[in-house]
């Protein structure tokens, strides 16, 4: 089967319209119609049906369009690999990034890796819980994520490279904003709380939350909503303190002292798979990433935290 027919079908299904698909494909509608008919002759069944809102795939059309989507993605990736080769890049490495780390270090990270002319870096951001599975399955080469994830680590290497500790932050509309006093558990229990990193595998235990009542709002993956609420509401959240302050979106006046022990460690580690340690190119990039994280740890303020 001509794979171009499947790619064209995928674009039609995605656009929901033959005319819009023609615009994307830079072909005429009669040409696209002939391609669809040729595919239907091969299948011996319709792959599209017309509706008042455009075109929709039949069951077999949807299955073939899904294959066409994958062919499109692989084709685009192949084109990018060719461009990378022509520009002198040796290899591409996929790096998973914790959402808060990405938000806090995006400028330093971009500046650092733009100077590296040998390799291409593809950064993927999502929750640590999801990305650790991608790392295990070989879909990531490296991962910047919390060092104390609750996951089996037998096949993984973990290097703790950035020091951090959990802290309690209040929204700018909170009565506790700017307080220099140690806040009691009784006061904390009366506040409105949210949770960040709800599936990261390192949730604070109730005893560590200093009397916090149950939080009925939780965020996983994106950190922007949490930072927005800290700037616009009176809600409280426990987050990695150093990284949160590094974002510049939260001020030191929003971090309060609470009754009880110091917040637990929230260090960031460089994660990788042990099986890759014999690859020369992997070792070079591993050293590069390690040096980058060490530089961040050594040059960024600790904001008075006991690290």
Protein backbone atom coordinates (compact mmCIF):
# COMPACT_ATOMS: atom_id res chain seq x y z
CA UNK A 1 0.00 0.00 0.00
CA UNK A 2 1.18 3.51 -0.83
CA UNK A 3 1.90 5.16 2.56
CA UNK A 4 1.10 8.57 1.07
CA UNK A 5 -2.55 7.54 0.90
CA UNK A 6 -2.56 6.88 4.64
CA UNK A 7 -0.83 10.19 5.36
CA UNK A 8 -3.38 12.06 3.27
CA UNK A 9 -6.24 10.27 5.03
CA UNK A 10 -4.77 11.20 8.42
CA UNK A 11 -4.68 14.87 7.45
CA UNK A 12 -8.27 14.78 6.17
CA UNK A 13 -9.46 13.22 9.43
CA UNK A 14 -7.48 15.71 11.50
CA UNK A 15 -8.82 18.68 9.55
CA UNK A 16 -12.36 17.31 9.28
CA UNK A 17 -12.62 18.82 5.82
CA UNK A 18 -11.35 17.94 2.35
CA UNK A 19 -10.83 21.58 1.42
CA UNK A 20 -8.77 22.35 4.55
CA UNK A 21 -6.75 19.16 4.01
CA UNK A 22 -6.02 20.30 0.45
CA UNK A 23 -4.70 23.60 1.79
CA UNK A 24 -2.31 21.77 4.11
CA UNK A 25 -1.25 19.28 1.42
CA UNK A 26 -0.92 21.90 -1.35
CA UNK A 27 -2.98 19.79 -3.76
CA UNK A 28 -6.31 20.27 -5.52
CA UNK A 29 -9.51 18.73 -4.21
CA UNK A 30 -9.96 16.44 -7.27
CA UNK A 31 -6.47 15.06 -6.62
CA UNK A 32 -7.27 14.37 -2.96
CA UNK A 33 -10.63 12.85 -3.86
CA UNK A 34 -8.90 10.45 -6.25
CA UNK A 35 -6.49 9.43 -3.49
CA UNK A 36 -9.37 8.69 -1.09
CA UNK A 37 -11.19 6.69 -3.76
CA UNK A 38 -8.02 4.73 -4.51
CA UNK A 39 -7.71 3.88 -0.81
CA UNK A 40 -11.37 2.86 -0.62
CA UNK A 41 -10.91 0.57 -3.63
CA UNK A 42 -8.04 -1.11 -1.81
CA UNK A 43 -10.10 -1.47 1.39
CA UNK A 44 -13.30 -2.30 -0.49
CA UNK A 45 -15.23 -0.10 1.94
CA UNK A 46 -15.73 3.62 2.65
CA UNK A 47 -13.11 5.30 4.81
CA UNK A 48 -14.95 8.63 5.14
CA UNK A 49 -18.53 9.70 5.57
CA UNK A 50 -19.92 13.16 4.89
CA UNK A 51 -21.82 14.97 7.66
CA UNK A 52 -23.33 18.42 7.92
CA UNK A 53 -20.17 19.49 9.73
CA UNK A 54 -17.63 18.04 7.27
CA UNK A 55 -16.20 14.54 6.96
CA UNK A 56 -15.68 11.87 9.60
CA UNK A 57 -13.86 8.55 9.38
CA UNK A 58 -15.59 5.20 9.36
CA UNK A 59 -14.29 2.57 11.78
CA UNK A 60 -11.76 1.26 9.26
CA UNK A 61 -10.98 4.83 8.19
CA UNK A 62 -10.14 5.82 11.77
CA UNK A 63 -7.82 2.83 12.17
CA UNK A 64 -6.01 3.62 8.92
CA UNK A 65 -5.83 7.33 9.78
CA UNK A 66 -4.14 6.41 13.06
CA UNK A 67 -1.47 4.52 11.11
CA UNK A 68 -1.15 7.51 8.79
CA UNK A 69 -0.55 9.78 11.82
CA UNK A 70 2.34 7.59 12.90
CA UNK A 71 3.79 7.61 9.38
CA UNK A 72 3.56 11.42 9.34
CA UNK A 73 5.33 11.66 12.68
CA UNK A 74 8.09 9.28 11.61
CA UNK A 75 8.53 11.17 8.33
CA UNK A 76 8.86 14.49 10.12
CA UNK A 77 11.34 12.97 12.56
CA UNK A 78 13.38 11.58 9.67
CA UNK A 79 13.50 15.03 8.06
CA UNK A 80 14.71 16.52 11.35
CA UNK A 81 17.40 13.84 11.71
CA UNK A 82 18.65 14.71 8.22
CA UNK A 83 18.76 18.42 9.13
CA UNK A 84 20.66 17.59 12.32
CA UNK A 85 23.16 15.52 10.34
CA UNK A 86 23.73 18.31 7.84
CA UNK A 87 24.31 20.73 10.73
CA UNK A 88 26.99 18.51 12.25
CA UNK A 89 25.07 17.14 15.26
CA UNK A 90 26.14 13.66 16.35
CA UNK A 91 23.06 12.43 18.17
CA UNK A 92 19.81 13.42 19.87
CA UNK A 93 19.16 12.83 23.57
CA UNK A 94 15.72 12.95 25.14
CA UNK A 95 15.71 14.47 28.62
CA UNK A 96 12.72 14.39 30.95
CA UNK A 97 12.35 17.48 33.13
CA UNK A 98 10.41 18.01 36.35
CA UNK A 99 7.86 20.84 35.75
CA UNK A 100 9.10 23.06 38.57
CA UNK A 101 12.75 22.51 37.61
CA UNK A 102 11.94 23.44 34.00
CA UNK A 103 10.10 26.60 35.04
CA UNK A 104 12.78 27.65 37.52
CA UNK A 105 15.82 27.01 35.30
CA UNK A 106 14.58 27.47 31.74
CA UNK A 107 16.81 30.48 31.02
CA UNK A 108 19.98 28.91 32.44
CA UNK A 109 19.17 25.57 30.83
CA UNK A 110 18.62 27.11 27.39
CA UNK A 111 21.76 29.22 27.53
CA UNK A 112 23.87 26.28 28.70
CA UNK A 113 22.76 23.77 26.07
CA UNK A 114 22.74 26.21 23.15
CA UNK A 115 26.51 26.30 23.49
CA UNK A 116 26.74 22.52 22.98
CA UNK A 117 27.34 21.97 19.26
CA UNK A 118 27.70 18.19 19.16
CA UNK A 119 24.29 17.00 20.29
CA UNK A 120 20.59 17.82 19.99
CA UNK A 121 18.58 17.90 23.22
CA UNK A 122 14.87 17.19 23.30
CA UNK A 123 13.38 18.22 26.66
CA UNK A 124 10.06 16.73 27.77
CA UNK A 125 8.16 18.12 30.74
CA UNK A 126 5.57 16.23 32.79
CA UNK A 127 5.10 14.75 36.24
CA UNK A 128 7.99 12.74 37.67
CA UNK A 129 5.75 9.72 38.24
CA UNK A 130 4.95 9.52 34.53
CA UNK A 131 8.47 10.22 33.34
CA UNK A 132 10.20 7.64 35.52
CA UNK A 133 8.25 4.96 33.65
CA UNK A 134 9.32 6.46 30.31
CA UNK A 135 12.93 6.31 31.51
CA UNK A 136 12.60 2.66 32.50
CA UNK A 137 11.07 1.85 29.10
CA UNK A 138 13.90 3.53 27.20
CA UNK A 139 11.80 6.46 25.92
CA UNK A 140 14.01 8.91 27.84
CA UNK A 141 17.79 8.97 28.04
CA UNK A 142 17.96 11.11 31.19
CA UNK A 143 15.60 12.59 33.75
CA UNK A 144 15.83 15.65 36.02
CA UNK A 145 13.45 14.69 38.83
CA UNK A 146 13.07 14.51 42.62
CA UNK A 147 15.78 12.36 44.18
CA UNK A 148 13.43 10.68 46.63
CA UNK A 149 10.83 9.15 44.33
CA UNK A 150 8.93 6.18 45.69
CA UNK A 151 9.92 3.83 42.85
CA UNK A 152 12.02 0.66 42.50
CA UNK A 153 15.49 1.78 41.44
CA UNK A 154 17.26 -1.48 40.61
CA UNK A 155 17.89 -0.70 36.92
CA UNK A 156 18.31 3.04 37.42
CA UNK A 157 21.22 5.26 38.38
CA UNK A 158 20.48 8.28 40.59
CA UNK A 159 22.92 11.12 41.24
CA UNK A 160 21.70 13.74 43.72
CA UNK A 161 23.03 17.03 42.36
CA UNK A 162 20.75 19.88 43.44
CA UNK A 163 19.94 20.48 47.11
CA UNK A 164 16.49 21.60 48.18
CA UNK A 165 14.04 21.34 51.04
CA UNK A 166 10.26 21.56 51.30
CA UNK A 167 8.78 24.87 52.48
CA UNK A 168 5.32 26.31 53.09
CA UNK A 169 4.19 29.19 50.85
CA UNK A 170 1.16 31.44 51.26
CA UNK A 171 -0.82 33.30 48.64
CA UNK A 172 -0.35 37.06 48.49
CA UNK A 173 -3.89 37.58 49.76
CA UNK A 174 -3.30 35.46 52.87
CA UNK A 175 -3.25 37.09 56.31
CA UNK A 176 0.04 35.20 56.84
CA UNK A 177 1.77 36.91 53.93
CA UNK A 178 5.01 38.56 55.10
CA UNK A 179 4.75 37.12 58.61
CA UNK A 180 8.03 36.78 60.50
CA UNK A 181 6.52 34.68 63.30
CA UNK A 182 6.54 30.91 63.61
CA UNK A 183 3.04 29.83 62.58
CA UNK A 184 1.37 27.31 64.87
CA UNK A 185 -0.37 24.14 63.79
CA UNK A 186 -3.66 25.53 65.07
CA UNK A 187 -3.42 28.51 62.71
CA UNK A 188 -2.32 26.36 59.78
CA UNK A 189 -5.28 24.06 60.32
CA UNK A 190 -7.63 26.95 59.56
CA UNK A 191 -6.10 27.80 56.18
CA UNK A 192 -7.13 26.77 52.68
CA UNK A 193 -4.56 24.37 51.22
CA UNK A 194 -3.70 23.01 47.81
CA UNK A 195 -1.27 20.23 46.85
CA UNK A 196 1.35 20.42 44.10
CA UNK A 197 3.00 17.33 42.62
CA UNK A 198 0.05 15.12 43.52
CA UNK A 199 1.41 12.03 41.76
CA UNK A 200 5.14 12.71 41.97
CA UNK A 201 5.61 9.93 44.51
CA UNK A 202 6.81 12.12 47.37
CA UNK A 203 3.65 13.56 48.96
CA UNK A 204 4.19 14.90 52.46
CA UNK A 205 2.65 12.81 55.19
CA UNK A 206 -0.05 14.52 57.29
CA UNK A 207 2.35 14.76 60.24
CA UNK A 208 4.75 16.73 58.04
CA UNK A 209 2.11 19.26 57.06
CA UNK A 210 1.97 20.79 60.51
CA UNK A 211 -1.70 20.42 61.26
CA UNK A 212 -2.95 21.03 57.74
CA UNK A 213 -6.57 20.17 57.13
CA UNK A 214 -7.33 18.10 54.06
CA UNK A 215 -6.57 19.89 50.79
CA UNK A 216 -9.37 19.61 48.23
CA UNK A 217 -7.36 21.02 45.29
CA UNK A 218 -4.36 19.21 43.82
CA UNK A 219 -2.20 19.83 40.74
CA UNK A 220 -0.02 17.34 38.88
CA UNK A 221 2.34 18.12 36.01
CA UNK A 222 1.94 21.83 35.27
CA UNK A 223 3.21 24.26 37.90
CA UNK A 224 1.82 27.44 36.36
CA UNK A 225 -1.61 27.10 38.00
CA UNK A 226 0.00 26.77 41.43
CA UNK A 227 2.19 29.85 40.91
CA UNK A 228 -0.81 31.82 39.63
CA UNK A 229 -2.83 30.96 42.73
CA UNK A 230 0.04 31.97 44.99
CA UNK A 231 -0.08 35.39 43.36
CA UNK A 232 -3.87 35.82 43.33
CA UNK A 233 -5.36 33.94 46.30
CA UNK A 234 -4.96 33.22 50.02
CA UNK A 235 -4.23 29.51 49.57
CA UNK A 236 -1.24 27.68 51.07
CA UNK A 237 0.95 24.99 49.52
CA UNK A 238 4.05 23.03 50.46
CA UNK A 239 6.61 23.03 47.64
CA UNK A 240 10.37 22.61 47.07
CA UNK A 241 11.40 25.94 48.57
CA UNK A 242 14.60 26.76 46.68
CA UNK A 243 13.20 25.97 43.24
CA UNK A 244 9.97 27.82 43.97
CA UNK A 245 11.90 30.98 44.87
CA UNK A 246 14.15 30.53 41.82
CA UNK A 247 11.13 31.00 39.53
CA UNK A 248 10.95 34.68 40.45
CA UNK A 249 7.15 34.37 40.52
CA UNK A 250 7.07 33.83 44.30
CA UNK A 251 8.74 36.12 46.84
CA UNK A 252 10.57 35.24 50.02
CA UNK A 253 7.81 37.08 51.92
CA UNK A 254 5.47 34.25 50.89
CA UNK A 255 7.55 31.53 52.58
CA UNK A 256 6.53 31.21 56.20
CA UNK A 257 8.10 29.49 59.20
CA UNK A 258 5.93 26.75 60.66
CA UNK A 259 5.88 25.03 63.98
CA UNK A 260 7.59 21.65 64.03
CA UNK A 261 10.58 20.07 62.26
CA UNK A 262 12.15 21.37 59.06
CA UNK A 263 10.43 20.40 55.84
CA UNK A 264 11.61 17.13 54.25
CA UNK A 265 14.30 16.99 51.57
CA UNK A 266 13.21 17.82 48.03
CA UNK A 267 16.53 17.40 46.23
CA UNK A 268 16.75 16.99 42.46
CA UNK A 269 18.71 14.12 40.94
CA UNK A 270 19.97 13.18 37.50
CA UNK A 271 18.36 9.83 36.70
CA UNK A 272 19.49 7.45 33.95
CA UNK A 273 19.53 3.75 33.09
CA UNK A 274 22.49 1.66 34.22
CA UNK A 275 22.58 -0.22 30.93
CA UNK A 276 23.65 2.93 29.06
CA UNK A 277 26.79 3.51 31.13
CA UNK A 278 28.95 1.66 28.58
CA UNK A 279 28.05 3.96 25.68
CA UNK A 280 30.77 6.58 25.01
CA UNK A 281 28.31 9.19 23.72
CA UNK A 282 26.04 8.59 26.71
CA UNK A 283 28.91 9.10 29.15
CA UNK A 284 29.87 12.41 27.52
CA UNK A 285 26.32 13.75 27.75
CA UNK A 286 25.93 12.37 31.28
CA UNK A 287 29.00 14.37 32.34
CA UNK A 288 27.62 17.45 30.57
CA UNK A 289 24.25 17.23 32.36
CA UNK A 290 25.93 16.53 35.69
CA UNK A 291 28.18 19.59 35.34
CA UNK A 292 25.17 21.73 34.42
CA UNK A 293 23.22 20.65 37.51
CA UNK A 294 26.24 21.14 39.77
CA UNK A 295 26.73 24.63 38.37
CA UNK A 296 23.09 25.51 39.15
CA UNK A 297 23.43 24.17 42.69
CA UNK A 298 26.64 26.09 43.33
CA UNK A 299 25.62 29.43 41.82
CA UNK A 300 21.95 29.84 42.80
CA UNK A 301 21.10 31.38 46.18
CA UNK A 302 20.01 29.01 48.96
CA UNK A 303 17.63 31.73 50.26
CA UNK A 304 18.72 31.04 53.81
CA UNK A 305 17.49 27.45 53.74
CA UNK A 306 19.24 24.84 55.87
CA UNK A 307 20.55 22.60 53.08
